[in-house]
Amino acid sequence: MSWDPVRPRFDELIHAPTRLRITAALATSAELEFSTLEEVLGISVSLLSKQLKVLSDAGYVVLEKRPQPFGRPRTWIRFTGRGRVAYLSHVEALRQLTTPDATHDHGDG
């Protein structure tokens, strides 16, 4: 299988601060459990739920409830292929915005 290079693309949906933090956390592993994500980000259940719904509706993440041997089912979150590409493309666009371009003279004179 070949991998296409990531093309920079600013994504307004991902760029919102809480969603950017969520996607950055998801980029660190194959999947994360809801309560772990809540704890790592230090945000409320309602805010996390709302932002995950936005990402899910866009097709960027999948939420999966899994039964547990004891207690309530737990929700696991993972990127879709589309979501991972959108996140990586957004990060690359941010890099390009924040990295000085040595090939252009930005001086005053």
PDB file of N, CA and C in Angstrom:
ATOM      1  N   MET A   1       0.847  -1.164   0.000  1.00  0.00           N
ATOM      2  CA  MET A   1       0.000   0.000   0.000  1.00  0.00           C
ATOM      3  C   MET A   1       0.899   1.237   0.000  1.00  0.00           C
ATOM      4  N   SER A   2       0.551   2.230  -0.806  1.00  0.00           N
ATOM      5  CA  SER A   2       1.339   3.460  -0.852  1.00  0.00           C
ATOM      6  C   SER A   2       0.600   4.562  -0.089  1.00  0.00           C
ATOM      7  N   TRP A   3       1.374   5.479   0.442  1.00  0.00           N
ATOM      8  CA  TRP A   3       0.816   6.596   1.194  1.00  0.00           C
ATOM      9  C   TRP A   3       1.038   7.868   0.406  1.00  0.00           C
ATOM     10  N   ASP A   4      -0.023   8.600   0.190  1.00  0.00           N
ATOM     11  CA  ASP A   4       0.097   9.893  -0.466  1.00  0.00           C
ATOM     12  C   ASP A   4       0.613  10.903   0.545  1.00  0.00           C
ATOM     13  N   PRO A   5       1.414  11.865   0.080  1.00  0.00           N
ATOM     14  CA  PRO A   5       1.870  12.895   1.020  1.00  0.00           C
ATOM     15  C   PRO A   5       0.680  13.728   1.516  1.00  0.00           C
ATOM     16  N   VAL A   6       0.806  14.226   2.710  1.00  0.00           N
ATOM     17  CA  VAL A   6      -0.249  15.056   3.289  1.00  0.00           C
ATOM     18  C   VAL A   6      -0.217  16.407   2.598  1.00  0.00           C
ATOM     19  N   ARG A   7      -1.349  16.822   2.113  1.00  0.00           N
ATOM     20  CA  ARG A   7      -1.469  18.139   1.475  1.00  0.00           C
ATOM     21  C   ARG A   7      -2.025  19.121   2.496  1.00  0.00           C
ATOM     22  N   PRO A   8      -1.402  20.273   2.629  1.00  0.00           N
ATOM     23  CA  PRO A   8      -1.903  21.239   3.614  1.00  0.00           C
ATOM     24  C   PRO A   8      -3.306  21.723   3.266  1.00  0.00           C
ATOM     25  N   ARG A   9      -4.178  21.703   4.249  1.00  0.00           N
ATOM     26  CA  ARG A   9      -5.547  22.187   4.055  1.00  0.00           C
ATOM     27  C   ARG A   9      -6.089  22.648   5.403  1.00  0.00           C
ATOM     28  N   PHE A  10      -6.303  23.948   5.514  1.00  0.00           N
ATOM     29  CA  PHE A  10      -6.856  24.506   6.742  1.00  0.00           C
ATOM     30  C   PHE A  10      -8.293  24.017   6.882  1.00  0.00           C
ATOM     31  N   ASP A  11      -8.633  23.513   8.062  1.00  0.00           N
ATOM     32  CA  ASP A  11      -9.968  22.955   8.301  1.00  0.00           C
ATOM     33  C   ASP A  11     -10.630  23.709   9.448  1.00  0.00           C
ATOM     34  N   GLU A  12     -11.612  24.543   9.116  1.00  0.00           N
ATOM     35  CA  GLU A  12     -12.315  25.359  10.114  1.00  0.00           C
ATOM     36  C   GLU A  12     -12.962  24.495  11.198  1.00  0.00           C
ATOM     37  N   LEU A  13     -13.465  23.332  10.819  1.00  0.00           N
ATOM     38  CA  LEU A  13     -14.132  22.466  11.777  1.00  0.00           C
ATOM     39  C   LEU A  13     -13.148  21.959  12.831  1.00  0.00           C
ATOM     40  N   ILE A  14     -11.968  21.548  12.408  1.00  0.00           N
ATOM     41  CA  ILE A  14     -10.949  21.052  13.341  1.00  0.00           C
ATOM     42  C   ILE A  14     -10.321  22.197  14.121  1.00  0.00           C
ATOM     43  N   HIS A  15     -10.215  23.375  13.523  1.00  0.00           N
ATOM     44  CA  HIS A  15      -9.467  24.475  14.119  1.00  0.00           C
ATOM     45  C   HIS A  15     -10.075  25.020  15.413  1.00  0.00           C
ATOM     46  N   ALA A  16     -11.355  24.831  15.634  1.00  0.00           N
ATOM     47  CA  ALA A  16     -11.962  25.292  16.890  1.00  0.00           C
ATOM     48  C   ALA A  16     -11.165  24.696  18.049  1.00  0.00           C
ATOM     49  N   PRO A  17     -10.807  25.507  19.055  1.00  0.00           N
ATOM     50  CA  PRO A  17      -9.858  25.061  20.085  1.00  0.00           C
ATOM     51  C   PRO A  17     -10.151  23.704  20.727  1.00  0.00           C
ATOM     52  N   THR A  18     -11.380  23.467  21.154  1.00  0.00           N
ATOM     53  CA  THR A  18     -11.667  22.182  21.809  1.00  0.00           C
ATOM     54  C   THR A  18     -11.557  21.028  20.821  1.00  0.00           C
ATOM     55  N   ARG A  19     -12.050  21.208  19.599  1.00  0.00           N
ATOM     56  CA  ARG A  19     -11.953  20.133  18.604  1.00  0.00           C
ATOM     57  C   ARG A  19     -10.507  19.891  18.187  1.00  0.00           C
ATOM     58  N   LEU A  20      -9.701  20.937  18.146  1.00  0.00           N
ATOM     59  CA  LEU A  20      -8.286  20.760  17.830  1.00  0.00           C
ATOM     60  C   LEU A  20      -7.600  19.952  18.925  1.00  0.00           C
ATOM     61  N   ARG A  21      -7.937  20.220  20.173  1.00  0.00           N
ATOM     62  CA  ARG A  21      -7.370  19.456  21.287  1.00  0.00           C
ATOM     63  C   ARG A  21      -7.836  17.996  21.241  1.00  0.00           C
ATOM     64  N   ILE A  22      -9.102  17.776  20.910  1.00  0.00           N
ATOM     65  CA  ILE A  22      -9.628  16.412  20.807  1.00  0.00           C
ATOM     66  C   ILE A  22      -8.890  15.646  19.708  1.00  0.00           C
ATOM     67  N   THR A  23      -8.785  16.256  18.534  1.00  0.00           N
ATOM     68  CA  THR A  23      -8.141  15.565  17.408  1.00  0.00           C
ATOM     69  C   THR A  23      -6.658  15.347  17.665  1.00  0.00           C
ATOM     70  N   ALA A  24      -6.006  16.299  18.333  1.00  0.00           N
ATOM     71  CA  ALA A  24      -4.591  16.119  18.671  1.00  0.00           C
ATOM     72  C   ALA A  24      -4.419  14.932  19.616  1.00  0.00           C
ATOM     73  N   ALA A  25      -5.320  14.795  20.573  1.00  0.00           N
ATOM     74  CA  ALA A  25      -5.257  13.652  21.496  1.00  0.00           C
ATOM     75  C   ALA A  25      -5.512  12.344  20.748  1.00  0.00           C
ATOM     76  N   LEU A  26      -6.500  12.346  19.849  1.00  0.00           N
ATOM     77  CA  LEU A  26      -6.809  11.129  19.089  1.00  0.00           C
ATOM     78  C   LEU A  26      -5.660  10.724  18.167  1.00  0.00           C
ATOM     79  N   ALA A  27      -4.879  11.696  17.725  1.00  0.00           N
ATOM     80  CA  ALA A  27      -3.765  11.403  16.825  1.00  0.00           C
ATOM     81  C   ALA A  27      -2.656  10.629  17.523  1.00  0.00           C
ATOM     82  N   THR A  28      -2.699  10.555  18.849  1.00  0.00           N
ATOM     83  CA  THR A  28      -1.643   9.876  19.598  1.00  0.00           C
ATOM     84  C   THR A  28      -1.866   8.374  19.746  1.00  0.00           C
ATOM     85  N   SER A  29      -3.054   7.890  19.393  1.00  0.00           N
ATOM     86  CA  SER A  29      -3.325   6.459  19.553  1.00  0.00           C
ATOM     87  C   SER A  29      -4.385   6.001  18.569  1.00  0.00           C
ATOM     88  N   ALA A  30      -4.574   4.699  18.500  1.00  0.00           N
ATOM     89  CA  ALA A  30      -5.579   4.145  17.587  1.00  0.00           C
ATOM     90  C   ALA A  30      -6.990   4.506  18.031  1.00  0.00           C
ATOM     91  N   GLU A  31      -7.216   4.566  19.353  1.00  0.00           N
ATOM     92  CA  GLU A  31      -8.515   4.922  19.905  1.00  0.00           C
ATOM     93  C   GLU A  31      -8.339   5.339  21.353  1.00  0.00           C
ATOM     94  N   LEU A  32      -9.295   6.115  21.833  1.00  0.00           N
ATOM     95  CA  LEU A  32      -9.277   6.564  23.229  1.00  0.00           C
ATOM     96  C   LEU A  32     -10.652   6.354  23.837  1.00  0.00           C
ATOM     97  N   GLU A  33     -10.671   6.045  25.123  1.00  0.00           N
ATOM     98  CA  GLU A  33     -11.918   5.873  25.844  1.00  0.00           C
ATOM     99  C   GLU A  33     -12.431   7.251  26.266  1.00  0.00           C
ATOM    100  N   PHE A  34     -13.732   7.461  26.220  1.00  0.00           N
ATOM    101  CA  PHE A  34     -14.354   8.759  26.479  1.00  0.00           C
ATOM    102  C   PHE A  34     -13.857   9.381  27.778  1.00  0.00           C
ATOM    103  N   SER A  35     -13.901   8.632  28.874  1.00  0.00           N
ATOM    104  CA  SER A  35     -13.525   9.210  30.173  1.00  0.00           C
ATOM    105  C   SER A  35     -12.040   9.580  30.216  1.00  0.00           C
ATOM    106  N   THR A  36     -11.204   8.843  29.503  1.00  0.00           N
ATOM    107  CA  THR A  36      -9.786   9.183  29.430  1.00  0.00           C
ATOM    108  C   THR A  36      -9.611  10.509  28.699  1.00  0.00           C
ATOM    109  N   LEU A  37     -10.321  10.661  27.604  1.00  0.00           N
ATOM    110  CA  LEU A  37     -10.263  11.896  26.830  1.00  0.00           C
ATOM    111  C   LEU A  37     -10.786  13.067  27.666  1.00  0.00           C
ATOM    112  N   GLU A  38     -11.860  12.840  28.383  1.00  0.00           N
ATOM    113  CA  GLU A  38     -12.424  13.871  29.268  1.00  0.00           C
ATOM    114  C   GLU A  38     -11.388  14.311  30.307  1.00  0.00           C
ATOM    115  N   GLU A  39     -10.733  13.350  30.910  1.00  0.00           N
ATOM    116  CA  GLU A  39      -9.739  13.640  31.951  1.00  0.00           C
ATOM    117  C   GLU A  39      -8.507  14.343  31.383  1.00  0.00           C
ATOM    118  N   VAL A  40      -7.992  13.851  30.267  1.00  0.00           N
ATOM    119  CA  VAL A  40      -6.801  14.428  29.653  1.00  0.00           C
ATOM    120  C   VAL A  40      -7.049  15.883  29.249  1.00  0.00           C
ATOM    121  N   LEU A  41      -8.218  16.155  28.687  1.00  0.00           N
ATOM    122  CA  LEU A  41      -8.528  17.500  28.216  1.00  0.00           C
ATOM    123  C   LEU A  41      -9.030  18.421  29.331  1.00  0.00           C
ATOM    124  N   GLY A  42      -9.500  17.825  30.430  1.00  0.00           N
ATOM    125  CA  GLY A  42     -10.003  18.617  31.541  1.00  0.00           C
ATOM    126  C   GLY A  42     -11.252  19.403  31.186  1.00  0.00           C
ATOM    127  N   ILE A  43     -12.155  18.767  30.425  1.00  0.00           N
ATOM    128  CA  ILE A  43     -13.396  19.430  30.031  1.00  0.00           C
ATOM    129  C   ILE A  43     -14.593  18.615  30.522  1.00  0.00           C
ATOM    130  N   SER A  44     -15.759  19.243  30.502  1.00  0.00           N
ATOM    131  CA  SER A  44     -16.960  18.585  31.004  1.00  0.00           C
ATOM    132  C   SER A  44     -17.453  17.514  30.023  1.00  0.00           C
ATOM    133  N   VAL A  45     -18.241  16.602  30.557  1.00  0.00           N
ATOM    134  CA  VAL A  45     -18.853  15.549  29.751  1.00  0.00           C
ATOM    135  C   VAL A  45     -19.714  16.175  28.654  1.00  0.00           C
ATOM    136  N   SER A  46     -20.497  17.201  29.019  1.00  0.00           N
ATOM    137  CA  SER A  46     -21.394  17.796  28.027  1.00  0.00           C
ATOM    138  C   SER A  46     -20.629  18.485  26.903  1.00  0.00           C
ATOM    139  N   LEU A  47     -19.548  19.193  27.225  1.00  0.00           N
ATOM    140  CA  LEU A  47     -18.759  19.853  26.185  1.00  0.00           C
ATOM    141  C   LEU A  47     -18.083  18.822  25.282  1.00  0.00           C
ATOM    142  N   LEU A  48     -17.506  17.788  25.882  1.00  0.00           N
ATOM    143  CA  LEU A  48     -16.860  16.748  25.092  1.00  0.00           C
ATOM    144  C   LEU A  48     -17.880  16.048  24.189  1.00  0.00           C
ATOM    145  N   SER A  49     -19.038  15.728  24.725  1.00  0.00           N
ATOM    146  CA  SER A  49     -20.094  15.075  23.932  1.00  0.00           C
ATOM    147  C   SER A  49     -20.504  15.932  22.750  1.00  0.00           C
ATOM    148  N   LYS A  50     -20.701  17.221  23.004  1.00  0.00           N
ATOM    149  CA  LYS A  50     -21.130  18.139  21.954  1.00  0.00           C
ATOM    150  C   LYS A  50     -20.077  18.212  20.840  1.00  0.00           C
ATOM    151  N   GLN A  51     -18.812  18.339  21.211  1.00  0.00           N
ATOM    152  CA  GLN A  51     -17.751  18.466  20.208  1.00  0.00           C
ATOM    153  C   GLN A  51     -17.524  17.150  19.463  1.00  0.00           C
ATOM    154  N   LEU A  52     -17.667  16.025  20.139  1.00  0.00           N
ATOM    155  CA  LEU A  52     -17.542  14.731  19.459  1.00  0.00           C
ATOM    156  C   LEU A  52     -18.686  14.529  18.474  1.00  0.00           C
ATOM    157  N   LYS A  53     -19.867  15.034  18.799  1.00  0.00           N
ATOM    158  CA  LYS A  53     -20.994  14.931  17.866  1.00  0.00           C
ATOM    159  C   LYS A  53     -20.690  15.707  16.585  1.00  0.00           C
ATOM    160  N   VAL A  54     -20.116  16.894  16.719  1.00  0.00           N
ATOM    161  CA  VAL A  54     -19.752  17.697  15.545  1.00  0.00           C
ATOM    162  C   VAL A  54     -18.742  16.929  14.689  1.00  0.00           C
ATOM    163  N   LEU A  55     -17.722  16.360  15.333  1.00  0.00           N
ATOM    164  CA  LEU A  55     -16.706  15.606  14.598  1.00  0.00           C
ATOM    165  C   LEU A  55     -17.286  14.335  13.976  1.00  0.00           C
ATOM    166  N   SER A  56     -18.188  13.689  14.695  1.00  0.00           N
ATOM    167  CA  SER A  56     -18.833  12.482  14.182  1.00  0.00           C
ATOM    168  C   SER A  56     -19.743  12.802  12.996  1.00  0.00           C
ATOM    169  N   ASP A  57     -20.526  13.867  13.110  1.00  0.00           N
ATOM    170  CA  ASP A  57     -21.420  14.275  12.019  1.00  0.00           C
ATOM    171  C   ASP A  57     -20.637  14.621  10.752  1.00  0.00           C
ATOM    172  N   ALA A  58     -19.412  15.106  10.926  1.00  0.00           N
ATOM    173  CA  ALA A  58     -18.562  15.448   9.779  1.00  0.00           C
ATOM    174  C   ALA A  58     -17.878  14.211   9.192  1.00  0.00           C
ATOM    175  N   GLY A  59     -18.024  13.073   9.877  1.00  0.00           N
ATOM    176  CA  GLY A  59     -17.380  11.848   9.404  1.00  0.00           C
ATOM    177  C   GLY A  59     -15.919  11.747   9.789  1.00  0.00           C
ATOM    178  N   TYR A  60     -15.493  12.527  10.796  1.00  0.00           N
ATOM    179  CA  TYR A  60     -14.086  12.545  11.213  1.00  0.00           C
ATOM    180  C   TYR A  60     -13.773  11.530  12.311  1.00  0.00           C
ATOM    181  N   VAL A  61     -14.761  11.186  13.131  1.00  0.00           N
ATOM    182  CA  VAL A  61     -14.545  10.214  14.202  1.00  0.00           C
ATOM    183  C   VAL A  61     -15.699   9.226  14.258  1.00  0.00           C
ATOM    184  N   VAL A  62     -15.427   8.097  14.881  1.00  0.00           N
ATOM    185  CA  VAL A  62     -16.435   7.074  15.136  1.00  0.00           C
ATOM    186  C   VAL A  62     -16.479   6.850  16.640  1.00  0.00           C
ATOM    187  N   LEU A  63     -17.679   6.822  17.186  1.00  0.00           N
ATOM    188  CA  LEU A  63     -17.878   6.518  18.598  1.00  0.00           C
ATOM    189  C   LEU A  63     -18.498   5.130  18.685  1.00  0.00           C
ATOM    190  N   GLU A  64     -17.934   4.307  19.555  1.00  0.00           N
ATOM    191  CA  GLU A  64     -18.415   2.936  19.696  1.00  0.00           C
ATOM    192  C   GLU A  64     -18.621   2.605  21.171  1.00  0.00           C
ATOM    193  N   LYS A  65     -19.862   2.279  21.526  1.00  0.00           N
ATOM    194  CA  LYS A  65     -20.151   1.835  22.900  1.00  0.00           C
ATOM    195  C   LYS A  65     -19.843   0.345  23.007  1.00  0.00           C
ATOM    196  N   ARG A  66     -19.052   0.007  24.007  1.00  0.00           N
ATOM    197  CA  ARG A  66     -18.692  -1.400  24.224  1.00  0.00           C
ATOM    198  C   ARG A  66     -19.152  -1.839  25.612  1.00  0.00           C
ATOM    199  N   PRO A  67     -19.844  -2.964  25.671  1.00  0.00           N
ATOM    200  CA  PRO A  67     -20.254  -3.473  26.980  1.00  0.00           C
ATOM    201  C   PRO A  67     -19.030  -3.878  27.799  1.00  0.00           C
ATOM    202  N   GLN A  68     -19.168  -3.750  29.108  1.00  0.00           N
ATOM    203  CA  GLN A  68     -18.112  -4.143  30.035  1.00  0.00           C
ATOM    204  C   GLN A  68     -18.607  -5.312  30.878  1.00  0.00           C
ATOM    205  N   PRO A  69     -17.703  -6.136  31.375  1.00  0.00           N
ATOM    206  CA  PRO A  69     -18.138  -7.249  32.226  1.00  0.00           C
ATOM    207  C   PRO A  69     -18.885  -6.760  33.471  1.00  0.00           C
ATOM    208  N   PHE A  70     -18.470  -5.594  33.978  1.00  0.00           N
ATOM    209  CA  PHE A  70     -19.125  -5.010  35.146  1.00  0.00           C
ATOM    210  C   PHE A  70     -19.347  -3.532  34.874  1.00  0.00           C
ATOM    211  N   GLY A  71     -20.460  -3.017  35.296  1.00  0.00           N
ATOM    212  CA  GLY A  71     -20.716  -1.590  35.146  1.00  0.00           C
ATOM    213  C   GLY A  71     -21.306  -1.230  33.787  1.00  0.00           C
ATOM    214  N   ARG A  72     -21.319   0.068  33.542  1.00  0.00           N
ATOM    215  CA  ARG A  72     -21.915   0.599  32.316  1.00  0.00           C
ATOM    216  C   ARG A  72     -21.010   0.373  31.110  1.00  0.00           C
ATOM    217  N   PRO A  73     -21.611   0.370  29.926  1.00  0.00           N
ATOM    218  CA  PRO A  73     -20.792   0.316  28.716  1.00  0.00           C
ATOM    219  C   PRO A  73     -19.889   1.551  28.637  1.00  0.00           C
ATOM    220  N   ARG A  74     -18.774   1.407  27.977  1.00  0.00           N
ATOM    221  CA  ARG A  74     -17.850   2.525  27.790  1.00  0.00           C
ATOM    222  C   ARG A  74     -17.824   2.911  26.319  1.00  0.00           C
ATOM    223  N   THR A  75     -17.620   4.202  26.084  1.00  0.00           N
ATOM    224  CA  THR A  75     -17.567   4.717  24.723  1.00  0.00           C
ATOM    225  C   THR A  75     -16.115   4.925  24.313  1.00  0.00           C
ATOM    226  N   TRP A  76     -15.775   4.387  23.150  1.00  0.00           N
ATOM    227  CA  TRP A  76     -14.432   4.524  22.587  1.00  0.00           C
ATOM    228  C   TRP A  76     -14.523   5.386  21.337  1.00  0.00           C
ATOM    229  N   ILE A  77     -13.512   6.207  21.136  1.00  0.00           N
ATOM    230  CA  ILE A  77     -13.496   7.133  20.008  1.00  0.00           C
ATOM    231  C   ILE A  77     -12.253   6.872  19.180  1.00  0.00           C
ATOM    232  N   ARG A  78     -12.434   6.888  17.862  1.00  0.00           N
ATOM    233  CA  ARG A  78     -11.283   6.748  16.965  1.00  0.00           C
ATOM    234  C   ARG A  78     -11.513   7.586  15.716  1.00  0.00           C
ATOM    235  N   PHE A  79     -10.418   7.969  15.089  1.00  0.00           N
ATOM    236  CA  PHE A  79     -10.492   8.679  13.823  1.00  0.00           C
ATOM    237  C   PHE A  79     -11.033   7.760  12.743  1.00  0.00           C
ATOM    238  N   THR A  80     -11.717   8.320  11.782  1.00  0.00           N
ATOM    239  CA  THR A  80     -11.972   7.635  10.516  1.00  0.00           C
ATOM    240  C   THR A  80     -10.757   7.956   9.640  1.00  0.00           C
ATOM    241  N   GLY A  81     -10.613   7.284   8.517  1.00  0.00           N
ATOM    242  CA  GLY A  81      -9.531   7.622   7.595  1.00  0.00           C
ATOM    243  C   GLY A  81      -9.639   9.071   7.160  1.00  0.00           C
ATOM    244  N   ARG A  82     -10.847   9.483   6.861  1.00  0.00           N
ATOM    245  CA  ARG A  82     -11.093  10.868   6.441  1.00  0.00           C
ATOM    246  C   ARG A  82     -10.705  11.861   7.542  1.00  0.00           C
ATOM    247  N   GLY A  83     -11.046  11.527   8.781  1.00  0.00           N
ATOM    248  CA  GLY A  83     -10.727  12.407   9.909  1.00  0.00           C
ATOM    249  C   GLY A  83      -9.240  12.535  10.143  1.00  0.00           C
ATOM    250  N   ARG A  84      -8.514  11.416  10.058  1.00  0.00           N
ATOM    251  CA  ARG A  84      -7.069  11.460  10.256  1.00  0.00           C
ATOM    252  C   ARG A  84      -6.407  12.312   9.171  1.00  0.00           C
ATOM    253  N   VAL A  85      -6.829  12.141   7.929  1.00  0.00           N
ATOM    254  CA  VAL A  85      -6.269  12.942   6.834  1.00  0.00           C
ATOM    255  C   VAL A  85      -6.595  14.420   7.039  1.00  0.00           C
ATOM    256  N   ALA A  86      -7.833  14.722   7.446  1.00  0.00           N
ATOM    257  CA  ALA A  86      -8.220  16.117   7.688  1.00  0.00           C
ATOM    258  C   ALA A  86      -7.360  16.725   8.789  1.00  0.00           C
ATOM    259  N   TYR A  87      -7.138  15.983   9.869  1.00  0.00           N
ATOM    260  CA  TYR A  87      -6.311  16.478  10.978  1.00  0.00           C
ATOM    261  C   TYR A  87      -4.875  16.712  10.513  1.00  0.00           C
ATOM    262  N   LEU A  88      -4.277  15.719   9.866  1.00  0.00           N
ATOM    263  CA  LEU A  88      -2.889  15.859   9.406  1.00  0.00           C
ATOM    264  C   LEU A  88      -2.748  16.991   8.386  1.00  0.00           C
ATOM    265  N   SER A  89      -3.726  17.145   7.523  1.00  0.00           N
ATOM    266  CA  SER A  89      -3.705  18.235   6.541  1.00  0.00           C
ATOM    267  C   SER A  89      -3.805  19.593   7.234  1.00  0.00           C
ATOM    268  N   HIS A  90      -4.627  19.663   8.271  1.00  0.00           N
ATOM    269  CA  HIS A  90      -4.774  20.905   9.025  1.00  0.00           C
ATOM    270  C   HIS A  90      -3.460  21.247   9.740  1.00  0.00           C
ATOM    271  N   VAL A  91      -2.854  20.264  10.373  1.00  0.00           N
ATOM    272  CA  VAL A  91      -1.579  20.493  11.059  1.00  0.00           C
ATOM    273  C   VAL A  91      -0.519  20.971  10.068  1.00  0.00           C
ATOM    274  N   GLU A  92      -0.496  20.373   8.894  1.00  0.00           N
ATOM    275  CA  GLU A  92       0.473  20.795   7.872  1.00  0.00           C
ATOM    276  C   GLU A  92       0.205  22.225   7.423  1.00  0.00           C
ATOM    277  N   ALA A  93      -1.055  22.605   7.289  1.00  0.00           N
ATOM    278  CA  ALA A  93      -1.396  23.988   6.926  1.00  0.00           C
ATOM    279  C   ALA A  93      -0.928  24.949   8.018  1.00  0.00           C
ATOM    280  N   LEU A  94      -1.101  24.562   9.291  1.00  0.00           N
ATOM    281  CA  LEU A  94      -0.628  25.398  10.392  1.00  0.00           C
ATOM    282  C   LEU A  94       0.889  25.523  10.369  1.00  0.00           C
ATOM    283  N   ARG A  95       1.568  24.418  10.066  1.00  0.00           N
ATOM    284  CA  ARG A  95       3.045  24.471   9.956  1.00  0.00           C
ATOM    285  C   ARG A  95       3.473  25.463   8.893  1.00  0.00           C
ATOM    286  N   GLN A  96       2.813  25.421   7.764  1.00  0.00           N
ATOM    287  CA  GLN A  96       3.176  26.334   6.680  1.00  0.00           C
ATOM    288  C   GLN A  96       2.907  27.792   7.069  1.00  0.00           C
ATOM    289  N   LEU A  97       1.848  28.021   7.831  1.00  0.00           N
ATOM    290  CA  LEU A  97       1.556  29.381   8.279  1.00  0.00           C
ATOM    291  C   LEU A  97       2.579  29.901   9.286  1.00  0.00           C
ATOM    292  N   THR A  98       3.157  28.983  10.056  1.00  0.00           N
ATOM    293  CA  THR A  98       4.032  29.398  11.149  1.00  0.00           C
ATOM    294  C   THR A  98       5.518  29.207  10.870  1.00  0.00           C
ATOM    295  N   THR A  99       5.872  28.640   9.733  1.00  0.00           N
ATOM    296  CA  THR A  99       7.264  28.425   9.391  1.00  0.00           C
ATOM    297  C   THR A  99       7.712  29.491   8.409  1.00  0.00           C
ATOM    298  N   PRO A 100       8.765  30.224   8.770  1.00  0.00           N
ATOM    299  CA  PRO A 100       9.256  31.243   7.842  1.00  0.00           C
ATOM    300  C   PRO A 100       9.691  30.609   6.524  1.00  0.00           C
ATOM    301  N   ASP A 101       9.380  31.285   5.445  1.00  0.00           N
ATOM    302  CA  ASP A 101       9.755  30.810   4.115  1.00  0.00           C
ATOM    303  C   ASP A 101      11.083  31.445   3.742  1.00  0.00           C
ATOM    304  N   ALA A 102      12.125  30.651   3.731  1.00  0.00           N
ATOM    305  CA  ALA A 102      13.481  31.166   3.479  1.00  0.00           C
ATOM    306  C   ALA A 102      13.680  31.589   2.017  1.00  0.00           C
ATOM    307  N   THR A 103      12.773  31.207   1.127  1.00  0.00           N
ATOM    308  CA  THR A 103      12.975  31.521  -0.281  1.00  0.00           C
ATOM    309  C   THR A 103      12.444  32.914  -0.640  1.00  0.00           C
ATOM    310  N   HIS A 104      11.712  33.569   0.253  1.00  0.00           N
ATOM    311  CA  HIS A 104      11.171  34.884  -0.039  1.00  0.00           C
ATOM    312  C   HIS A 104      11.769  35.914   0.918  1.00  0.00           C
ATOM    313  N   ASP A 105      12.093  37.075   0.388  1.00  0.00           N
ATOM    314  CA  ASP A 105      12.603  38.166   1.221  1.00  0.00           C
ATOM    315  C   ASP A 105      11.411  38.939   1.768  1.00  0.00           C
ATOM    316  N   HIS A 106      11.268  38.929   3.088  1.00  0.00           N
ATOM    317  CA  HIS A 106      10.146  39.624   3.716  1.00  0.00           C
ATOM    318  C   HIS A 106      10.581  40.948   4.340  1.00  0.00           C
ATOM    319  N   GLY A 107      11.716  41.436   3.925  1.00  0.00           N
ATOM    320  CA  GLY A 107      12.245  42.683   4.479  1.00  0.00           C
ATOM    321  C   GLY A 107      11.494  43.888   3.969  1.00  0.00           C
ATOM    322  N   ASP A 108      11.822  45.044   4.528  1.00  0.00           N
ATOM    323  CA  ASP A 108      11.148  46.294   4.162  1.00  0.00           C
ATOM    324  C   ASP A 108      11.776  46.950   2.943  1.00  0.00           C
ATOM    325  N   GLY A 109      12.894  46.506   2.523  1.00  0.00           N
ATOM    326  CA  GLY A 109      13.577  47.275   1.529  1.00  0.00           C
ATOM    327  C   GLY A 109      13.727  46.647   0.235  1.00  0.00           C
TER     328      GLY A 109
END
